[in-house]
mmCIF file of all heavy atoms, coordinates in Angstrom:
data_MODEL
# 
_entry.id   MODEL 
# 
loop_
_atom_site.group_PDB 
_atom_site.id 
_atom_site.type_symbol 
_atom_site.label_atom_id 
_atom_site.label_alt_id 
_atom_site.label_comp_id 
_atom_site.label_asym_id 
_atom_site.label_entity_id 
_atom_site.label_seq_id 
_atom_site.pdbx_PDB_ins_code 
_atom_site.Cartn_x 
_atom_site.Cartn_y 
_atom_site.Cartn_z 
_atom_site.occupancy 
_atom_site.B_iso_or_equiv 
_atom_site.pdbx_formal_charge 
_atom_site.auth_seq_id 
_atom_site.auth_comp_id 
_atom_site.auth_asym_id 
_atom_site.auth_atom_id 
_atom_site.pdbx_PDB_model_num 
ATOM 1   N N   . LEU A 1 1  ? -13.276 -3.347 0.209  1.00 0.00 ? 1  LEU A N   1 
ATOM 2   C CA  . LEU A 1 1  ? -13.611 -1.924 0.125  1.00 0.00 ? 1  LEU A CA  1 
ATOM 3   C C   . LEU A 1 1  ? -13.879 -1.362 1.513  1.00 0.00 ? 1  LEU A C   1 
ATOM 4   O O   . LEU A 1 1  ? -13.444 -0.247 1.839  1.00 0.00 ? 1  LEU A O   1 
ATOM 5   C CB  . LEU A 1 1  ? -14.844 -1.742 -0.775 1.00 0.00 ? 1  LEU A CB  1 
ATOM 6   C CG  . LEU A 1 1  ? -15.257 -0.295 -1.082 1.00 0.00 ? 1  LEU A CG  1 
ATOM 7   C CD1 . LEU A 1 1  ? -14.157 0.424  -1.849 1.00 0.00 ? 1  LEU A CD1 1 
ATOM 8   C CD2 . LEU A 1 1  ? -16.554 -0.283 -1.892 1.00 0.00 ? 1  LEU A CD2 1 
ATOM 9   N N   . LEU A 1 2  ? -14.572 -2.142 2.336  1.00 0.00 ? 2  LEU A N   1 
ATOM 10  C CA  . LEU A 1 2  ? -14.866 -1.714 3.698  1.00 0.00 ? 2  LEU A CA  1 
ATOM 11  C C   . LEU A 1 2  ? -13.584 -1.574 4.504  1.00 0.00 ? 2  LEU A C   1 
ATOM 12  O O   . LEU A 1 2  ? -13.418 -0.626 5.278  1.00 0.00 ? 2  LEU A O   1 
ATOM 13  C CB  . LEU A 1 2  ? -15.800 -2.723 4.368  1.00 0.00 ? 2  LEU A CB  1 
ATOM 14  C CG  . LEU A 1 2  ? -16.212 -2.421 5.817  1.00 0.00 ? 2  LEU A CG  1 
ATOM 15  C CD1 . LEU A 1 2  ? -17.002 -1.123 5.883  1.00 0.00 ? 2  LEU A CD1 1 
ATOM 16  C CD2 . LEU A 1 2  ? -17.036 -3.570 6.378  1.00 0.00 ? 2  LEU A CD2 1 
ATOM 17  N N   . ASP A 1 3  ? -12.646 -2.514 4.314  1.00 0.00 ? 3  ASP A N   1 
ATOM 18  C CA  . ASP A 1 3  ? -11.376 -2.469 5.041  1.00 0.00 ? 3  ASP A CA  1 
ATOM 19  C C   . ASP A 1 3  ? -10.559 -1.253 4.629  1.00 0.00 ? 3  ASP A C   1 
ATOM 20  O O   . ASP A 1 3  ? -9.962  -0.579 5.471  1.00 0.00 ? 3  ASP A O   1 
ATOM 21  C CB  . ASP A 1 3  ? -10.595 -3.757 4.777  1.00 0.00 ? 3  ASP A CB  1 
ATOM 22  C CG  . ASP A 1 3  ? -9.288  -3.785 5.554  1.00 0.00 ? 3  ASP A CG  1 
ATOM 23  O OD1 . ASP A 1 3  ? -9.337  -3.823 6.784  1.00 0.00 ? 3  ASP A OD1 1 
ATOM 24  O OD2 . ASP A 1 3  ? -8.221  -3.759 4.916  1.00 0.00 ? 3  ASP A OD2 1 
ATOM 25  N N   . VAL A 1 4  ? -10.534 -0.967 3.331  1.00 0.00 ? 4  VAL A N   1 
ATOM 26  C CA  . VAL A 1 4  ? -9.793  0.198  2.833  1.00 0.00 ? 4  VAL A CA  1 
ATOM 27  C C   . VAL A 1 4  ? -10.390 1.485  3.388  1.00 0.00 ? 4  VAL A C   1 
ATOM 28  O O   . VAL A 1 4  ? -9.678  2.378  3.865  1.00 0.00 ? 4  VAL A O   1 
ATOM 29  C CB  . VAL A 1 4  ? -9.793  0.224  1.291  1.00 0.00 ? 4  VAL A CB  1 
ATOM 30  C CG1 . VAL A 1 4  ? -9.240  1.547  0.779  1.00 0.00 ? 4  VAL A CG1 1 
ATOM 31  C CG2 . VAL A 1 4  ? -8.970  -0.939 0.747  1.00 0.00 ? 4  VAL A CG2 1 
ATOM 32  N N   . ASN A 1 5  ? -11.723 1.580  3.346  1.00 0.00 ? 5  ASN A N   1 
ATOM 33  C CA  . ASN A 1 5  ? -12.382 2.775  3.864  1.00 0.00 ? 5  ASN A CA  1 
ATOM 34  C C   . ASN A 1 5  ? -12.157 2.927  5.361  1.00 0.00 ? 5  ASN A C   1 
ATOM 35  O O   . ASN A 1 5  ? -11.985 4.025  5.878  1.00 0.00 ? 5  ASN A O   1 
ATOM 36  C CB  . ASN A 1 5  ? -13.883 2.725  3.555  1.00 0.00 ? 5  ASN A CB  1 
ATOM 37  C CG  . ASN A 1 5  ? -14.179 2.891  2.079  1.00 0.00 ? 5  ASN A CG  1 
ATOM 38  O OD1 . ASN A 1 5  ? -13.370 3.482  1.353  1.00 0.00 ? 5  ASN A OD1 1 
ATOM 39  N ND2 . ASN A 1 5  ? -15.299 2.382  1.626  1.00 0.00 ? 5  ASN A ND2 1 
ATOM 40  N N   . SER A 1 6  ? -12.186 1.770  6.057  1.00 0.00 ? 6  SER A N   1 
ATOM 41  C CA  . SER A 1 6  ? -11.953 1.809  7.496  1.00 0.00 ? 6  SER A CA  1 
ATOM 42  C C   . SER A 1 6  ? -10.540 2.282  7.806  1.00 0.00 ? 6  SER A C   1 
ATOM 43  O O   . SER A 1 6  ? -10.319 3.081  8.721  1.00 0.00 ? 6  SER A O   1 
ATOM 44  C CB  . SER A 1 6  ? -12.201 0.425  8.099  1.00 0.00 ? 6  SER A CB  1 
ATOM 45  O OG  . SER A 1 6  ? -11.904 0.408  9.470  1.00 0.00 ? 6  SER A OG  1 
ATOM 46  N N   . THR A 1 7  ? -9.562  1.779  7.038  1.00 0.00 ? 7  THR A N   1 
ATOM 47  C CA  . THR A 1 7  ? -8.172  2.194  7.233  1.00 0.00 ? 7  THR A CA  1 
ATOM 48  C C   . THR A 1 7  ? -8.005  3.677  6.961  1.00 0.00 ? 7  THR A C   1 
ATOM 49  O O   . THR A 1 7  ? -7.332  4.397  7.714  1.00 0.00 ? 7  THR A O   1 
ATOM 50  C CB  . THR A 1 7  ? -7.235  1.382  6.310  1.00 0.00 ? 7  THR A CB  1 
ATOM 51  O OG1 . THR A 1 7  ? -7.397  -0.008 6.589  1.00 0.00 ? 7  THR A OG1 1 
ATOM 52  C CG2 . THR A 1 7  ? -5.784  1.797  6.527  1.00 0.00 ? 7  THR A CG2 1 
ATOM 53  N N   . LYS A 1 8  ? -8.625  4.151  5.893  1.00 0.00 ? 8  LYS A N   1 
ATOM 54  C CA  . LYS A 1 8  ? -8.556  5.576  5.576  1.00 0.00 ? 8  LYS A CA  1 
ATOM 55  C C   . LYS A 1 8  ? -9.185  6.408  6.679  1.00 0.00 ? 8  LYS A C   1 
ATOM 56  O O   . LYS A 1 8  ? -8.688  7.480  7.029  1.00 0.00 ? 8  LYS A O   1 
ATOM 57  C CB  . LYS A 1 8  ? -9.261  5.848  4.240  1.00 0.00 ? 8  LYS A CB  1 
ATOM 58  C CG  . LYS A 1 8  ? -8.523  5.332  3.021  1.00 0.00 ? 8  LYS A CG  1 
ATOM 59  C CD  . LYS A 1 8  ? -9.267  5.679  1.742  1.00 0.00 ? 8  LYS A CD  1 
ATOM 60  C CE  . LYS A 1 8  ? -8.523  5.190  0.505  1.00 0.00 ? 8  LYS A CE  1 
ATOM 61  N NZ  . LYS A 1 8  ? -9.264  5.524  -0.744 1.00 0.00 ? 8  LYS A NZ  1 
ATOM 62  N N   . SER A 1 9  ? -10.269 5.912  7.230  1.00 0.00 ? 9  SER A N   1 
ATOM 63  C CA  . SER A 1 9  ? -10.956 6.635  8.300  1.00 0.00 ? 9  SER A CA  1 
ATOM 64  C C   . SER A 1 9  ? -10.081 6.724  9.543  1.00 0.00 ? 9  SER A C   1 
ATOM 65  O O   . SER A 1 9  ? -10.008 7.769  10.202 1.00 0.00 ? 9  SER A O   1 
ATOM 66  C CB  . SER A 1 9  ? -12.279 5.942  8.634  1.00 0.00 ? 9  SER A CB  1 
ATOM 67  O OG  . SER A 1 9  ? -12.932 6.583  9.704  1.00 0.00 ? 9  SER A OG  1 
ATOM 68  N N   . VAL A 1 10 ? -9.405  5.614  9.879  1.00 0.00 ? 10 VAL A N   1 
ATOM 69  C CA  . VAL A 1 10 ? -8.520  5.606  11.048 1.00 0.00 ? 10 VAL A CA  1 
ATOM 70  C C   . VAL A 1 10 ? -7.357  6.566  10.851 1.00 0.00 ? 10 VAL A C   1 
ATOM 71  O O   . VAL A 1 10 ? -6.994  7.336  11.748 1.00 0.00 ? 10 VAL A O   1 
ATOM 72  C CB  . VAL A 1 10 ? -8.005  4.178  11.315 1.00 0.00 ? 10 VAL A CB  1 
ATOM 73  C CG1 . VAL A 1 10 ? -6.907  4.199  12.372 1.00 0.00 ? 10 VAL A CG1 1 
ATOM 74  C CG2 . VAL A 1 10 ? -9.150  3.276  11.753 1.00 0.00 ? 10 VAL A CG2 1 
ATOM 75  N N   . VAL A 1 11 ? -6.753  6.535  9.661  1.00 0.00 ? 11 VAL A N   1 
ATOM 76  C CA  . VAL A 1 11 ? -5.630  7.421  9.357  1.00 0.00 ? 11 VAL A CA  1 
ATOM 77  C C   . VAL A 1 11 ? -6.073  8.880  9.412  1.00 0.00 ? 11 VAL A C   1 
ATOM 78  O O   . VAL A 1 11 ? -5.381  9.737  9.978  1.00 0.00 ? 11 VAL A O   1 
ATOM 79  C CB  . VAL A 1 11 ? -5.035  7.089  7.978  1.00 0.00 ? 11 VAL A CB  1 
ATOM 80  C CG1 . VAL A 1 11 ? -4.001  8.136  7.576  1.00 0.00 ? 11 VAL A CG1 1 
ATOM 81  C CG2 . VAL A 1 11 ? -4.416  5.704  7.981  1.00 0.00 ? 11 VAL A CG2 1 
ATOM 82  N N   . ALA A 1 12 ? -7.244  9.175  8.833  1.00 0.00 ? 12 ALA A N   1 
ATOM 83  C CA  . ALA A 1 12 ? -7.756  10.542 8.839  1.00 0.00 ? 12 ALA A CA  1 
ATOM 84  C C   . ALA A 1 12 ? -8.050  11.017 10.257 1.00 0.00 ? 12 ALA A C   1 
ATOM 85  O O   . ALA A 1 12 ? -7.760  12.155 10.622 1.00 0.00 ? 12 ALA A O   1 
ATOM 86  C CB  . ALA A 1 12 ? -9.016  10.639 7.977  1.00 0.00 ? 12 ALA A CB  1 
ATOM 87  N N   . SER A 1 13 ? -8.618  10.121 11.072 1.00 0.00 ? 13 SER A N   1 
ATOM 88  C CA  . SER A 1 13 ? -8.927  10.464 12.458 1.00 0.00 ? 13 SER A CA  1 
ATOM 89  C C   . SER A 1 13 ? -7.654  10.734 13.249 1.00 0.00 ? 13 SER A C   1 
ATOM 90  O O   . SER A 1 13 ? -7.595  11.696 14.031 1.00 0.00 ? 13 SER A O   1 
ATOM 91  C CB  . SER A 1 13 ? -9.722  9.335  13.098 1.00 0.00 ? 13 SER A CB  1 
ATOM 92  O OG  . SER A 1 13 ? -9.973  9.605  14.460 1.00 0.00 ? 13 SER A OG  1 
ATOM 93  N N   . ARG A 1 14 ? -6.632  9.898  13.056 1.00 0.00 ? 14 ARG A N   1 
ATOM 94  C CA  . ARG A 1 14 ? -5.373  10.101 13.761 1.00 0.00 ? 14 ARG A CA  1 
ATOM 95  C C   . ARG A 1 14 ? -4.687  11.373 13.307 1.00 0.00 ? 14 ARG A C   1 
ATOM 96  O O   . ARG A 1 14 ? -4.130  12.123 14.116 1.00 0.00 ? 14 ARG A O   1 
ATOM 97  C CB  . ARG A 1 14 ? -4.458  8.897  13.537 1.00 0.00 ? 14 ARG A CB  1 
ATOM 98  C CG  . ARG A 1 14 ? -3.100  9.007  14.232 1.00 0.00 ? 14 ARG A CG  1 
ATOM 99  C CD  . ARG A 1 14 ? -2.292  7.739  14.063 1.00 0.00 ? 14 ARG A CD  1 
ATOM 100 N NE  . ARG A 1 14 ? -2.968  6.618  14.702 1.00 0.00 ? 14 ARG A NE  1 
ATOM 101 C CZ  . ARG A 1 14 ? -2.526  5.372  14.613 1.00 0.00 ? 14 ARG A CZ  1 
ATOM 102 N NH1 . ARG A 1 14 ? -1.445  5.094  13.890 1.00 0.00 ? 14 ARG A NH1 1 
ATOM 103 N NH2 . ARG A 1 14 ? -3.171  4.403  15.229 1.00 0.00 ? 14 ARG A NH2 1 
ATOM 104 N N   . ASN A 1 15 ? -4.745  11.649 12.014 1.00 0.00 ? 15 ASN A N   1 
ATOM 105 C CA  . ASN A 1 15 ? -4.150  12.871 11.486 1.00 0.00 ? 15 ASN A CA  1 
ATOM 106 C C   . ASN A 1 15 ? -4.845  14.098 12.053 1.00 0.00 ? 15 ASN A C   1 
ATOM 107 O O   . ASN A 1 15 ? -4.202  15.098 12.392 1.00 0.00 ? 15 ASN A O   1 
ATOM 108 C CB  . ASN A 1 15 ? -4.233  12.871 9.955  1.00 0.00 ? 15 ASN A CB  1 
ATOM 109 C CG  . ASN A 1 15 ? -3.521  14.063 9.337  1.00 0.00 ? 15 ASN A CG  1 
ATOM 110 O OD1 . ASN A 1 15 ? -2.316  14.225 9.504  1.00 0.00 ? 15 ASN A OD1 1 
ATOM 111 N ND2 . ASN A 1 15 ? -4.264  14.902 8.628  1.00 0.00 ? 15 ASN A ND2 1 
ATOM 112 N N   . GLN A 1 16 ? -6.186  14.015 12.169 1.00 0.00 ? 16 GLN A N   1 
ATOM 113 C CA  . GLN A 1 16 ? -6.961  15.106 12.743 1.00 0.00 ? 16 GLN A CA  1 
ATOM 114 C C   . GLN A 1 16 ? -6.557  15.336 14.202 1.00 0.00 ? 16 GLN A C   1 
ATOM 115 O O   . GLN A 1 16 ? -6.366  16.479 14.643 1.00 0.00 ? 16 GLN A O   1 
ATOM 116 C CB  . GLN A 1 16 ? -8.461  14.777 12.661 1.00 0.00 ? 16 GLN A CB  1 
ATOM 117 C CG  . GLN A 1 16 ? -9.381  15.809 13.322 1.00 0.00 ? 16 GLN A CG  1 
ATOM 118 C CD  . GLN A 1 16 ? -9.510  17.072 12.507 1.00 0.00 ? 16 GLN A CD  1 
ATOM 119 O OE1 . GLN A 1 16 ? -9.309  17.058 11.284 1.00 0.00 ? 16 GLN A OE1 1 
ATOM 120 N NE2 . GLN A 1 16 ? -9.851  18.159 13.159 1.00 0.00 ? 16 GLN A NE2 1 
ATOM 121 N N   . MET A 1 17 ? -6.405  14.254 14.956 1.00 0.00 ? 17 MET A N   1 
ATOM 122 C CA  . MET A 1 17 ? -6.017  14.357 16.366 1.00 0.00 ? 17 MET A CA  1 
ATOM 123 C C   . MET A 1 17 ? -4.618  14.944 16.517 1.00 0.00 ? 17 MET A C   1 
ATOM 124 O O   . MET A 1 17 ? -4.386  15.803 17.376 1.00 0.00 ? 17 MET A O   1 
ATOM 125 C CB  . MET A 1 17 ? -6.087  12.987 17.028 1.00 0.00 ? 17 MET A CB  1 
ATOM 126 C CG  . MET A 1 17 ? -5.806  13.010 18.526 1.00 0.00 ? 17 MET A CG  1 
ATOM 127 S SD  . MET A 1 17 ? -5.855  11.344 19.247 1.00 0.00 ? 17 MET A SD  1 
ATOM 128 C CE  . MET A 1 17 ? -7.543  10.871 18.848 1.00 0.00 ? 17 MET A CE  1 
ATOM 129 N N   . CYS A 1 18 ? -3.689  14.488 15.679 1.00 0.00 ? 18 CYS A N   1 
ATOM 130 C CA  . CYS A 1 18 ? -2.327  15.015 15.730 1.00 0.00 ? 18 CYS A CA  1 
ATOM 131 C C   . CYS A 1 18 ? -2.299  16.504 15.431 1.00 0.00 ? 18 CYS A C   1 
ATOM 132 O O   . CYS A 1 18 ? -1.599  17.281 16.103 1.00 0.00 ? 18 CYS A O   1 
ATOM 133 C CB  . CYS A 1 18 ? -1.432  14.265 14.744 1.00 0.00 ? 18 CYS A CB  1 
ATOM 134 S SG  . CYS A 1 18 ? -1.106  12.548 15.188 1.00 0.00 ? 18 CYS A SG  1 
ATOM 135 N N   . TRP A 1 19 ? -3.059  16.881 14.417 1.00 0.00 ? 19 TRP A N   1 
ATOM 136 C CA  . TRP A 1 19 ? -3.105  18.292 14.018 1.00 0.00 ? 19 TRP A CA  1 
ATOM 137 C C   . TRP A 1 19 ? -3.660  19.150 15.150 1.00 0.00 ? 19 TRP A C   1 
ATOM 138 O O   . TRP A 1 19 ? -3.104  20.204 15.479 1.00 0.00 ? 19 TRP A O   1 
ATOM 139 C CB  . TRP A 1 19 ? -3.945  18.453 12.765 1.00 0.00 ? 19 TRP A CB  1 
ATOM 140 C CG  . TRP A 1 19 ? -4.081  19.873 12.303 1.00 0.00 ? 19 TRP A CG  1 
ATOM 141 C CD1 . TRP A 1 19 ? -5.041  20.776 12.655 1.00 0.00 ? 19 TRP A CD1 1 
ATOM 142 C CD2 . TRP A 1 19 ? -3.207  20.566 11.406 1.00 0.00 ? 19 TRP A CD2 1 
ATOM 143 N NE1 . TRP A 1 19 ? -4.822  21.977 12.042 1.00 0.00 ? 19 TRP A NE1 1 
ATOM 144 C CE2 . TRP A 1 19 ? -3.711  21.881 11.270 1.00 0.00 ? 19 TRP A CE2 1 
ATOM 145 C CE3 . TRP A 1 19 ? -2.059  20.204 10.708 1.00 0.00 ? 19 TRP A CE3 1 
ATOM 146 C CZ2 . TRP A 1 19 ? -3.100  22.819 10.464 1.00 0.00 ? 19 TRP A CZ2 1 
ATOM 147 C CZ3 . TRP A 1 19 ? -1.440  21.154 9.896  1.00 0.00 ? 19 TRP A CZ3 1 
ATOM 148 C CH2 . TRP A 1 19 ? -1.962  22.441 9.781  1.00 0.00 ? 19 TRP A CH2 1 
ATOM 149 N N   . GLU A 1 20 ? -4.743  18.724 15.755 1.00 0.00 ? 20 GLU A N   1 
ATOM 150 C CA  . GLU A 1 20 ? -5.363  19.486 16.834 1.00 0.00 ? 20 GLU A CA  1 
ATOM 151 C C   . GLU A 1 20 ? -4.439  19.587 18.040 1.00 0.00 ? 20 GLU A C   1 
ATOM 152 O O   . GLU A 1 20 ? -4.326  20.653 18.655 1.00 0.00 ? 20 GLU A O   1 
ATOM 153 C CB  . GLU A 1 20 ? -6.692  18.842 17.233 1.00 0.00 ? 20 GLU A CB  1 
ATOM 154 C CG  . GLU A 1 20 ? -7.773  18.959 16.164 1.00 0.00 ? 20 GLU A CG  1 
ATOM 155 C CD  . GLU A 1 20 ? -9.042  18.228 16.541 1.00 0.00 ? 20 GLU A CD  1 
ATOM 156 O OE1 . GLU A 1 20 ? -9.047  17.545 17.597 1.00 0.00 ? 20 GLU A OE1 1 
ATOM 157 O OE2 . GLU A 1 20 ? -10.041 18.342 15.800 1.00 0.00 ? 20 GLU A OE2 1 
ATOM 158 N N   . ASN A 1 21 ? -3.775  18.476 18.394 1.00 0.00 ? 21 ASN A N   1 
ATOM 159 C CA  . ASN A 1 21 ? -2.846  18.512 19.529 1.00 0.00 ? 21 ASN A CA  1 
ATOM 160 C C   . ASN A 1 21 ? -1.649  19.409 19.249 1.00 0.00 ? 21 ASN A C   1 
ATOM 161 O O   . ASN A 1 21 ? -1.161  20.110 20.148 1.00 0.00 ? 21 ASN A O   1 
ATOM 162 C CB  . ASN A 1 21 ? -2.371  17.096 19.861 1.00 0.00 ? 21 ASN A CB  1 
ATOM 163 C CG  . ASN A 1 21 ? -3.439  16.256 20.519 1.00 0.00 ? 21 ASN A CG  1 
ATOM 164 O OD1 . ASN A 1 21 ? -4.383  16.783 21.109 1.00 0.00 ? 21 ASN A OD1 1 
ATOM 165 N ND2 . ASN A 1 21 ? -3.325  14.941 20.410 1.00 0.00 ? 21 ASN A ND2 1 
ATOM 166 N N   . LEU A 1 22 ? -1.164  19.390 18.017 1.00 0.00 ? 22 LEU A N   1 
ATOM 167 C CA  . LEU A 1 22 ? -0.040  20.255 17.659 1.00 0.00 ? 22 LEU A CA  1 
ATOM 168 C C   . LEU A 1 22 ? -0.456  21.716 17.701 1.00 0.00 ? 22 LEU A C   1 
ATOM 169 O O   . LEU A 1 22 ? 0.284   22.572 18.202 1.00 0.00 ? 22 LEU A O   1 
ATOM 170 C CB  . LEU A 1 22 ? 0.480   19.887 16.265 1.00 0.00 ? 22 LEU A CB  1 
ATOM 171 C CG  . LEU A 1 22 ? 1.634   20.754 15.737 1.00 0.00 ? 22 LEU A CG  1 
ATOM 172 C CD1 . LEU A 1 22 ? 2.824   20.700 16.680 1.00 0.00 ? 22 LEU A CD1 1 
ATOM 173 C CD2 . LEU A 1 22 ? 2.049   20.296 14.336 1.00 0.00 ? 22 LEU A CD2 1 
ATOM 174 N N   . GLN A 1 23 ? -1.641  22.015 17.179 1.00 0.00 ? 23 GLN A N   1 
ATOM 175 C CA  . GLN A 1 23 ? -2.144  23.389 17.210 1.00 0.00 ? 23 GLN A CA  1 
ATOM 176 C C   . GLN A 1 23 ? -2.293  23.872 18.649 1.00 0.00 ? 23 GLN A C   1 
ATOM 177 O O   . GLN A 1 23 ? -1.925  25.010 18.987 1.00 0.00 ? 23 GLN A O   1 
ATOM 178 C CB  . GLN A 1 23 ? -3.503  23.458 16.500 1.00 0.00 ? 23 GLN A CB  1 
ATOM 179 C CG  . GLN A 1 23 ? -3.418  23.337 14.991 1.00 0.00 ? 23 GLN A CG  1 
ATOM 180 C CD  . GLN A 1 23 ? -2.891  24.601 14.351 1.00 0.00 ? 23 GLN A CD  1 
ATOM 181 O OE1 . GLN A 1 23 ? -1.678  24.808 14.231 1.00 0.00 ? 23 GLN A OE1 1 
ATOM 182 N NE2 . GLN A 1 23 ? -3.791  25.467 13.942 1.00 0.00 ? 23 GLN A NE2 1 
ATOM 183 N N   . GLN A 1 24 ? -2.828  23.028 19.493 1.00 0.00 ? 24 GLN A N   1 
ATOM 184 C CA  . GLN A 1 24 ? -3.021  23.396 20.893 1.00 0.00 ? 24 GLN A CA  1 
ATOM 185 C C   . GLN A 1 24 ? -1.690  23.632 21.598 1.00 0.00 ? 24 GLN A C   1 
ATOM 186 O O   . GLN A 1 24 ? -1.527  24.609 22.337 1.00 0.00 ? 24 GLN A O   1 
ATOM 187 C CB  . GLN A 1 24 ? -3.804  22.297 21.620 1.00 0.00 ? 24 GLN A CB  1 
ATOM 188 C CG  . GLN A 1 24 ? -4.106  22.625 23.079 1.00 0.00 ? 24 GLN A CG  1 
ATOM 189 C CD  . GLN A 1 24 ? -4.855  21.504 23.776 1.00 0.00 ? 24 GLN A CD  1 
ATOM 190 O OE1 . GLN A 1 24 ? -5.104  20.449 23.185 1.00 0.00 ? 24 GLN A OE1 1 
ATOM 191 N NE2 . GLN A 1 24 ? -5.225  21.715 25.011 1.00 0.00 ? 24 GLN A NE2 1 
# 
């Protein structure tokens, strides 16, 4: 469960970074 949550967190963080860089 911790690994799944960690993976989701990494994916969400990367998606957030991509979105912000694209917006900028």
